[in-house]
Protein backbone atom coordinates (compact mmCIF):
# COMPACT_ATOMS: atom_id res chain seq x y z
CA UNK A 1 108.91 132.24 122.70
CA UNK A 2 110.21 128.68 122.75
CA UNK A 3 111.40 127.26 119.48
CA UNK A 4 110.64 123.69 118.57
CA UNK A 5 113.80 121.72 117.94
CA UNK A 6 113.77 118.74 115.67
CA UNK A 7 116.23 116.01 116.55
CA UNK A 8 117.36 113.28 114.22
CA UNK A 9 118.60 110.27 116.08
CA UNK A 10 120.08 107.19 114.43
CA UNK A 11 116.78 105.27 114.53
CA UNK A 12 114.84 108.24 113.14
CA UNK A 13 117.35 108.61 110.30
CA UNK A 14 116.99 104.93 109.49
CA UNK A 15 113.21 105.29 109.41
CA UNK A 16 113.43 108.37 107.18
CA UNK A 17 115.91 106.56 104.95
CA UNK A 18 113.59 103.57 104.50
CA UNK A 19 110.50 105.75 103.97
CA UNK A 20 112.34 107.98 101.50
CA UNK A 21 113.68 105.12 99.41
CA UNK A 22 110.33 103.33 99.46
CA UNK A 23 108.55 106.51 98.35
CA UNK A 24 111.13 107.07 95.61
CA UNK A 25 110.77 103.49 94.37
CA UNK A 26 106.97 103.75 94.45
CA UNK A 27 106.89 107.05 92.53
CA UNK A 28 109.40 105.77 90.00
CA UNK A 29 107.43 102.53 89.48
CA UNK A 30 103.99 104.12 89.12
CA UNK A 31 105.28 106.95 86.91
CA UNK A 32 107.01 104.47 84.58
CA UNK A 33 103.81 102.42 84.45
CA UNK A 34 101.87 105.59 83.65
CA UNK A 35 104.24 106.48 80.80
CA UNK A 36 104.07 102.97 79.35
CA UNK A 37 100.27 102.96 79.56
CA UNK A 38 100.10 106.41 77.96
CA UNK A 39 102.45 105.33 75.15
CA UNK A 40 100.37 102.18 74.61
CA UNK A 41 97.13 104.15 74.36
CA UNK A 42 98.65 106.71 71.98
CA UNK A 43 99.95 103.97 69.72
CA UNK A 44 96.53 102.28 69.74
CA UNK A 45 94.91 105.54 68.61
CA UNK A 46 97.56 106.05 65.92
CA UNK A 47 97.35 102.42 64.74
CA UNK A 48 93.54 102.51 64.59
CA UNK A 49 93.72 105.67 62.49
CA UNK A 50 96.15 104.00 60.09
CA UNK A 51 93.97 100.88 59.98
CA UNK A 52 90.94 102.91 58.97
CA UNK A 53 92.87 104.82 56.33
CA UNK A 54 94.43 101.70 54.85
CA UNK A 55 91.14 99.78 54.91
CA UNK A 56 89.34 102.72 53.34
CA UNK A 57 91.93 102.85 50.59
CA UNK A 58 91.68 99.09 50.04
CA UNK A 59 87.89 99.22 49.83
CA UNK A 60 88.05 102.19 47.48
CA UNK A 61 90.50 100.48 45.14
CA UNK A 62 88.42 97.31 45.22
CA UNK A 63 85.29 99.28 44.40
CA UNK A 64 87.13 100.95 41.53
CA UNK A 65 88.27 97.51 40.42
CA UNK A 66 84.68 96.27 40.45
CA UNK A 67 83.55 99.34 38.53
CA UNK A 68 86.34 98.80 36.04
CA UNK A 69 85.26 95.19 35.53
CA UNK A 70 81.68 96.21 34.91
CA UNK A 71 82.69 98.96 32.47
CA UNK A 72 84.95 96.85 30.34
CA UNK A 73 82.22 94.28 29.80
CA UNK A 74 79.89 96.91 28.35
CA UNK A 75 80.34 97.84 24.67
CA UNK A 76 81.99 101.21 24.17
CA UNK A 77 82.95 102.36 20.72
CA UNK A 78 86.39 103.80 20.44
CA UNK A 79 87.52 102.77 23.90
CA UNK A 80 87.84 105.00 26.91
CA UNK A 81 91.02 106.79 28.07
CA UNK A 82 89.57 106.95 31.61
CA UNK A 83 89.48 103.15 31.73
CA UNK A 84 93.07 103.01 30.56
CA UNK A 85 94.12 105.35 33.37
CA UNK A 86 92.17 103.31 35.92
CA UNK A 87 93.82 100.14 34.67
CA UNK A 88 97.32 101.59 34.77
CA UNK A 89 97.10 103.55 38.02
CA UNK A 90 94.72 101.40 40.09
CA UNK A 91 94.31 97.87 38.81
CA UNK A 92 97.95 97.23 38.01
CA UNK A 93 99.07 98.59 41.41
CA UNK A 94 96.77 96.47 43.56
CA UNK A 95 98.99 94.83 46.19
CA UNK A 96 96.37 93.01 48.30
CA UNK A 97 95.10 89.47 47.59
CA UNK A 98 92.11 89.27 45.24
CA UNK A 99 90.09 86.27 44.02
CA UNK A 100 87.34 86.68 41.45
CA UNK A 101 84.54 84.11 41.35
CA UNK A 102 81.52 83.61 39.15
CA UNK A 103 78.05 84.12 40.65
CA UNK A 104 78.10 80.50 41.84
CA UNK A 105 81.28 81.04 43.88
CA UNK A 106 83.71 79.25 41.56
CA UNK A 107 87.14 80.91 41.23
CA UNK A 108 87.84 82.26 37.78
CA UNK A 109 90.89 84.47 38.50
CA UNK A 110 93.15 85.53 41.34
CA UNK A 111 95.90 88.00 42.08
CA UNK A 112 98.56 88.39 44.86
CA UNK A 113 97.82 84.97 46.31
CA UNK A 114 101.00 83.94 48.14
CA UNK A 115 100.04 80.33 48.83
CA UNK A 116 101.88 77.86 46.64
CA UNK A 117 98.81 75.64 46.44
CA UNK A 118 96.36 77.37 44.11
CA UNK A 119 94.19 74.37 43.45
CA UNK A 120 90.43 74.70 43.46
CA UNK A 121 89.95 73.48 47.10
CA UNK A 122 92.80 75.70 48.32
CA UNK A 123 91.28 78.75 46.61
CA UNK A 124 87.90 78.03 48.21
CA UNK A 125 89.55 77.96 51.65
CA UNK A 126 91.33 81.19 50.89
CA UNK A 127 88.06 82.80 49.81
CA UNK A 128 86.64 82.06 53.29
CA UNK A 129 89.59 83.83 54.88
CA UNK A 130 89.20 86.84 52.57
CA UNK A 131 85.45 87.08 53.26
CA UNK A 132 86.21 87.06 56.99
CA UNK A 133 88.40 90.12 56.45
CA UNK A 134 86.12 92.03 54.06
CA UNK A 135 82.65 91.52 52.63
CA UNK A 136 82.87 90.55 48.94
CA UNK A 137 81.94 93.09 46.26
CA UNK A 138 79.73 91.95 43.34
CA UNK A 139 80.52 93.11 39.78
CA UNK A 140 77.19 94.17 38.32
CA UNK A 141 76.53 94.83 34.61
CA UNK A 142 73.50 96.18 32.88
CA UNK A 143 71.57 93.59 30.93
CA UNK A 144 68.93 95.53 28.97
CA UNK A 145 66.74 97.07 31.65
CA UNK A 146 68.14 95.17 34.61
CA UNK A 147 71.41 94.50 36.42
CA UNK A 148 73.10 91.16 36.37
CA UNK A 149 75.93 89.85 38.61
CA UNK A 150 78.86 89.06 36.41
CA UNK A 151 81.48 88.22 39.04
CA UNK A 152 82.20 88.56 42.74
CA UNK A 153 85.44 90.13 44.03
CA UNK A 154 86.87 88.65 47.25
CA UNK A 155 89.72 90.73 48.66
CA UNK A 156 91.90 90.80 51.76
CA UNK A 157 93.97 93.29 53.69
CA UNK A 158 96.94 95.07 52.18
CA UNK A 159 100.58 94.21 53.01
CA UNK A 160 100.91 97.60 54.72
CA UNK A 161 98.06 96.66 57.06
CA UNK A 162 99.68 93.28 57.77
CA UNK A 163 102.97 94.98 58.63
CA UNK A 164 101.16 97.52 60.79
CA UNK A 165 99.44 94.71 62.69
CA UNK A 166 102.74 92.92 63.19
CA UNK A 167 104.42 96.10 64.44
CA UNK A 168 101.50 96.81 66.76
CA UNK A 169 101.55 93.27 68.18
CA UNK A 170 105.32 93.38 68.69
CA UNK A 171 105.12 96.82 70.29
CA UNK A 172 102.32 95.79 72.65
CA UNK A 173 104.29 92.70 73.61
CA UNK A 174 107.35 94.84 74.32
CA UNK A 175 105.30 97.30 76.37
CA UNK A 176 103.91 94.40 78.41
CA UNK A 177 107.42 93.08 79.00
CA UNK A 178 108.58 96.55 80.03
CA UNK A 179 105.75 96.77 82.56
CA UNK A 180 106.76 93.44 84.05
CA UNK A 181 110.40 94.51 83.93
CA UNK A 182 109.52 97.61 85.95
CA UNK A 183 107.83 95.40 88.52
CA UNK A 184 110.90 93.14 88.69
CA UNK A 185 113.12 96.19 89.11
CA UNK A 186 110.90 97.45 91.95
CA UNK A 187 111.04 94.07 93.70
CA UNK A 188 114.83 93.90 93.32
CA UNK A 189 115.18 97.48 94.55
CA UNK A 190 113.06 96.80 97.62
CA UNK A 191 114.94 93.55 98.19
CA UNK A 192 118.33 95.25 98.09
CA UNK A 193 117.00 98.00 100.33
CA UNK A 194 115.73 95.42 102.83
CA UNK A 195 119.12 93.68 102.77
CA UNK A 196 120.84 97.02 103.31
CA UNK A 197 118.62 97.95 106.25
CA UNK A 198 119.07 94.49 107.74
CA UNK A 199 122.83 94.85 107.34
CA UNK A 200 122.81 98.22 109.10
CA UNK A 201 120.71 96.86 111.97
CA UNK A 202 122.89 93.77 112.25
CA UNK A 203 126.01 95.95 112.27
CA UNK A 204 124.53 98.09 115.05
CA UNK A 205 123.61 95.01 117.03
CA UNK A 206 127.07 93.54 116.70
CA UNK A 207 128.59 96.88 117.59
CA UNK A 208 126.52 96.98 120.79
CA UNK A 209 127.53 93.41 121.60
CA UNK A 210 131.16 94.32 121.05
CA UNK A 211 130.82 97.26 123.44
CA UNK A 212 129.27 95.09 126.17
CA UNK A 213 131.88 92.37 125.62
CA UNK A 214 134.70 94.87 125.89
CA UNK A 215 133.10 96.36 129.02
CA UNK A 216 132.77 92.93 130.62
CA UNK A 217 136.37 91.99 129.85
CA UNK A 218 137.64 95.32 131.16
CA UNK A 219 135.60 94.80 134.36
CA UNK A 220 137.11 91.36 134.84
CA UNK A 221 140.59 92.77 134.24
CA UNK A 222 140.12 95.59 136.75
CA UNK A 223 138.76 93.23 139.44
CA UNK A 224 141.56 90.72 139.06
CA UNK A 225 144.12 92.78 141.05
CA UNK A 226 141.98 93.45 144.17
CA UNK A 227 140.85 89.83 144.22
CA UNK A 228 144.48 88.71 144.29
CA UNK A 229 145.19 91.11 147.15
CA UNK A 230 142.07 89.89 148.96
CA UNK A 231 143.31 86.31 148.67
CA UNK A 232 146.68 87.30 150.18
CA UNK A 233 145.02 89.03 153.14
CA UNK A 234 143.00 85.85 153.80
CA UNK A 235 146.23 83.93 154.25
CA UNK A 236 147.36 86.49 156.83
CA UNK A 237 144.06 86.15 158.73
CA UNK A 238 144.35 82.36 158.77
CA UNK A 239 147.70 82.61 160.49
CA UNK A 240 146.26 84.93 163.16
CA UNK A 241 142.96 83.16 163.94
CA UNK A 242 139.42 84.30 163.03
CA UNK A 243 138.33 81.04 161.41
CA UNK A 244 134.64 82.00 160.96
CA UNK A 245 135.54 85.33 159.40
CA UNK A 246 138.00 83.59 157.14
CA UNK A 247 135.37 81.03 156.08
CA UNK A 248 132.85 83.72 155.16
CA UNK A 249 135.51 85.72 153.34
CA UNK A 250 136.67 82.63 151.45
CA UNK A 251 133.11 82.01 150.31
CA UNK A 252 132.80 85.58 149.09
CA UNK A 253 136.19 85.32 147.44
CA UNK A 254 135.10 82.22 145.55
CA UNK A 255 132.00 84.08 144.47
CA UNK A 256 134.04 87.01 143.26
CA UNK A 257 136.25 84.65 141.27
CA UNK A 258 133.12 83.10 139.77
CA UNK A 259 131.88 86.56 138.80
CA UNK A 260 135.24 87.25 137.18
CA UNK A 261 134.94 83.98 135.32
CA UNK A 262 131.49 84.95 134.11
CA UNK A 263 132.58 88.31 132.78
CA UNK A 264 135.68 86.87 131.15
CA UNK A 265 133.52 84.28 129.36
CA UNK A 266 131.43 86.90 127.55
CA UNK A 267 132.19 86.84 123.83
CA UNK A 268 133.73 83.33 124.01
CA UNK A 269 132.06 80.07 122.92
CA UNK A 270 130.05 78.44 125.75
CA UNK A 271 131.44 75.42 127.59
CA UNK A 272 128.36 73.22 127.10
CA UNK A 273 128.07 69.80 128.72
CA UNK A 274 125.30 67.24 128.81
CA UNK A 275 123.92 67.17 132.34
CA UNK A 276 120.92 67.89 134.53
CA UNK A 277 120.43 71.38 135.94
CA UNK A 278 118.76 70.47 139.24
CA UNK A 279 122.00 70.81 141.20
CA UNK A 280 122.79 74.17 139.58
CA UNK A 281 119.30 75.46 140.41
CA UNK A 282 119.51 74.34 144.05
CA UNK A 283 123.02 75.73 144.59
CA UNK A 284 122.10 79.07 143.03
CA UNK A 285 118.93 79.27 145.10
CA UNK A 286 120.90 78.48 148.28
CA UNK A 287 123.47 81.16 147.52
CA UNK A 288 120.77 83.78 146.95
CA UNK A 289 118.78 82.64 150.04
CA UNK A 290 121.71 83.36 152.39
CA UNK A 291 121.74 86.96 151.12
CA UNK A 292 117.98 87.50 151.11
CA UNK A 293 115.89 89.01 153.94
CA UNK A 294 113.91 86.51 156.02
CA UNK A 295 110.59 88.09 155.00
CA UNK A 296 111.04 86.63 151.49
CA UNK A 297 110.57 82.89 151.16
CA UNK A 298 112.53 81.08 148.43
CA UNK A 299 111.57 77.55 147.37
CA UNK A 300 112.27 75.09 144.58
CA UNK A 301 109.69 72.72 143.09
CA UNK A 302 111.35 70.21 140.79
CA UNK A 303 108.94 67.88 138.97
CA UNK A 304 111.44 66.87 136.26
CA UNK A 305 115.18 67.10 135.77
CA UNK A 306 116.14 65.75 132.31
CA UNK A 307 119.52 66.14 130.71
CA UNK A 308 120.18 69.27 128.68
CA UNK A 309 123.22 70.93 127.13
CA UNK A 310 124.26 73.63 129.60
CA UNK A 311 127.19 75.83 130.58
CA UNK A 312 127.18 75.63 134.39
CA UNK A 313 128.79 79.03 135.07
CA UNK A 314 126.74 81.03 132.58
CA UNK A 315 123.46 79.31 133.40
CA UNK A 316 123.96 79.90 137.13
CA UNK A 317 124.59 83.56 136.33
CA UNK A 318 121.32 83.78 134.37
CA UNK A 319 119.32 82.14 137.14
CA UNK A 320 120.92 84.38 139.77
CA UNK A 321 119.98 87.48 137.77
CA UNK A 322 116.34 86.38 137.55
CA UNK A 323 116.20 85.59 141.30
CA UNK A 324 117.71 88.96 142.25
CA UNK A 325 115.25 90.77 139.98
CA UNK A 326 112.37 88.92 141.64
CA UNK A 327 113.64 89.86 145.12
CA UNK A 328 114.05 93.49 144.06
CA UNK A 329 110.50 93.46 142.67
CA UNK A 330 109.10 92.38 146.07
CA UNK A 331 111.03 95.16 147.81
CA UNK A 332 110.33 95.81 151.49
CA UNK A 333 107.19 93.68 151.57
CA UNK A 334 106.77 90.06 152.50
CA UNK A 335 106.65 87.73 149.58
CA UNK A 336 107.92 84.59 147.95
CA UNK A 337 110.01 83.46 145.01
CA UNK A 338 109.41 79.99 143.59
CA UNK A 339 111.37 78.08 140.96
CA UNK A 340 109.19 75.52 139.14
CA UNK A 341 111.04 73.00 136.98
CA UNK A 342 109.12 70.65 134.69
CA UNK A 343 108.65 69.43 131.11
CA UNK A 344 106.60 71.38 128.58
CA UNK A 345 103.44 69.67 127.34
CA UNK A 346 105.26 68.11 124.35
CA UNK A 347 108.17 67.02 126.61
CA UNK A 348 110.67 68.50 124.14
CA UNK A 349 111.71 71.35 126.42
CA UNK A 350 112.67 71.75 130.04
CA UNK A 351 110.75 74.71 131.49
CA UNK A 352 112.21 76.58 134.46
CA UNK A 353 109.83 79.21 135.84
CA UNK A 354 110.89 81.94 138.27
CA UNK A 355 107.69 83.15 139.96
CA UNK A 356 107.55 86.07 142.39
CA UNK A 357 104.83 88.00 144.21
CA UNK A 358 106.12 91.45 143.27
CA UNK A 359 104.29 94.33 141.62
CA UNK A 360 104.84 93.07 138.07
CA UNK A 361 106.76 94.51 135.14
CA UNK A 362 105.52 97.90 133.99
CA UNK A 363 107.93 98.64 131.13
CA UNK A 364 108.23 97.45 127.55
CA UNK A 365 111.36 96.33 125.66
CA UNK A 366 112.45 94.63 128.87
CA UNK A 367 115.33 92.71 127.30
CA UNK A 368 116.94 95.62 125.45
CA UNK A 369 120.24 97.06 126.77
CA UNK A 370 119.85 99.98 129.14
CA UNK A 371 116.19 99.28 130.02
CA UNK A 372 115.76 99.03 133.80
CA UNK A 373 113.31 99.87 136.59
CA UNK A 374 116.05 100.26 139.20
CA UNK A 375 117.23 103.73 140.12
CA UNK A 376 120.92 102.88 139.84
CA UNK A 377 120.59 99.91 137.49
CA UNK A 378 122.55 99.56 134.27
CA UNK A 379 119.90 97.58 132.42
CA UNK A 380 122.24 94.78 131.30
CA UNK A 381 121.19 91.85 133.52
CA UNK A 382 118.19 90.64 131.53
CA UNK A 383 119.95 91.45 128.26
CA UNK A 384 122.88 89.23 129.13
CA UNK A 385 120.55 86.57 130.55
CA UNK A 386 118.55 86.43 127.31
CA UNK A 387 121.71 86.24 125.25
CA UNK A 388 123.12 83.43 127.41
CA UNK A 389 119.91 81.38 127.14
CA UNK A 390 119.09 81.98 123.48
CA UNK A 391 122.47 82.46 121.78
CA UNK A 392 124.57 80.07 123.87
CA UNK A 393 122.04 77.41 124.94
CA UNK A 394 119.68 77.57 121.92
CA UNK A 395 116.80 78.06 124.33
CA UNK A 396 114.25 80.77 125.08
CA UNK A 397 113.83 83.33 127.85
CA UNK A 398 110.43 85.03 128.00
CA UNK A 399 108.27 87.06 130.32
CA UNK A 400 105.43 84.57 130.59
CA UNK A 401 103.09 86.53 132.88
CA UNK A 402 103.13 89.89 134.64
CA UNK A 403 100.51 91.39 136.93
CA UNK A 404 100.45 92.76 140.49
CA UNK A 405 101.10 89.83 142.81
CA UNK A 406 102.49 87.47 140.18
CA UNK A 407 105.36 87.75 137.72
CA UNK A 408 106.67 84.73 135.81
CA UNK A 409 109.89 84.55 133.84
CA UNK A 410 110.37 81.24 131.99
CA UNK A 411 113.54 79.61 130.67
CA UNK A 412 113.15 76.88 128.04
CA UNK A 413 116.05 74.50 127.31
CA UNK A 414 115.86 71.77 124.64
CA UNK A 415 115.95 68.28 126.14
CA UNK A 416 118.82 66.09 124.95
CA UNK A 417 117.87 63.13 122.78
CA UNK A 418 114.63 64.57 121.32
């Protein structure tokens, strides 16, 4: 029985890391919000219970006050010890604001009014506030066989209720701030996580670039010795005849030196100069044509040739890579490769298209290192070409179109002066 093996590559670990931290942050955020909401609801229930108890006590004491007022106005021989107890234990200990008015609404007495202005108009305004808090209680007395309104008691909420309201408001405000603070913490956490992931990816990218740069420089170093020997053997051949062979070998030697120059330039700042690229395109096409089978037709169509900032050696290398890829894509069949050079529609960019009649590109992530359709390819040509165009020349290299019979790679270089 075959066992399933689970592998954890670097990319998978990064994905698991991001998913895990995001899940942790989400659970932490929603659980903290749940706790705050639960605490808020519990406090509301507790505060409402206290409100009802305090208001019930206030209403009861006010009712007792009204009863006391009605009792003391009725004649009672010998007094009443119950009334004395009510006065001492209830009336004297009233701590909420009270205003007593006559039946016509004119203030006759007040208690626990904190406003400094106790004039008649000020008391009338305060009565409106008290009536908005509680309905007034009339003081009724018996007048023979009927009841008569002696006074009206207007009363407000107790200091304990005021403090409870203040505490509740402050607590709710703090809970709201804590909920927003949790959201801010989540945003900051995700932001730092994004920066961390970006830093890891950037480090990996730079590490890969460093590897390719070191490989290129080592290749140039290793080729330098045989090229020097090759140059010495050419001098020997010149002395012994074979002019045509020497000419061909000199051309190849120059090309090898140019390749060495290209590899040695990787990782160094580009040597940009303001110039047209028409000559570079034609020379590169001519070099590739001499090494291409006759069944493949190579042509250049140059509708515009404005000045751009270009490194001649590196740009020629890029163009040569694209042409060789196009020739490889055609294979053993007859076909053609065309270079079209013209402005873009806004005339801000120079567009150089490399069009071939091959089978098209059938793979994704074409410009990533190691991706190739060739059996013995390294998958670095298009990667280096894209880096040369976009990092060194501030341009763009894209696969514009790909289908059987037509593949178009396009280079875009910014035109100087625009």
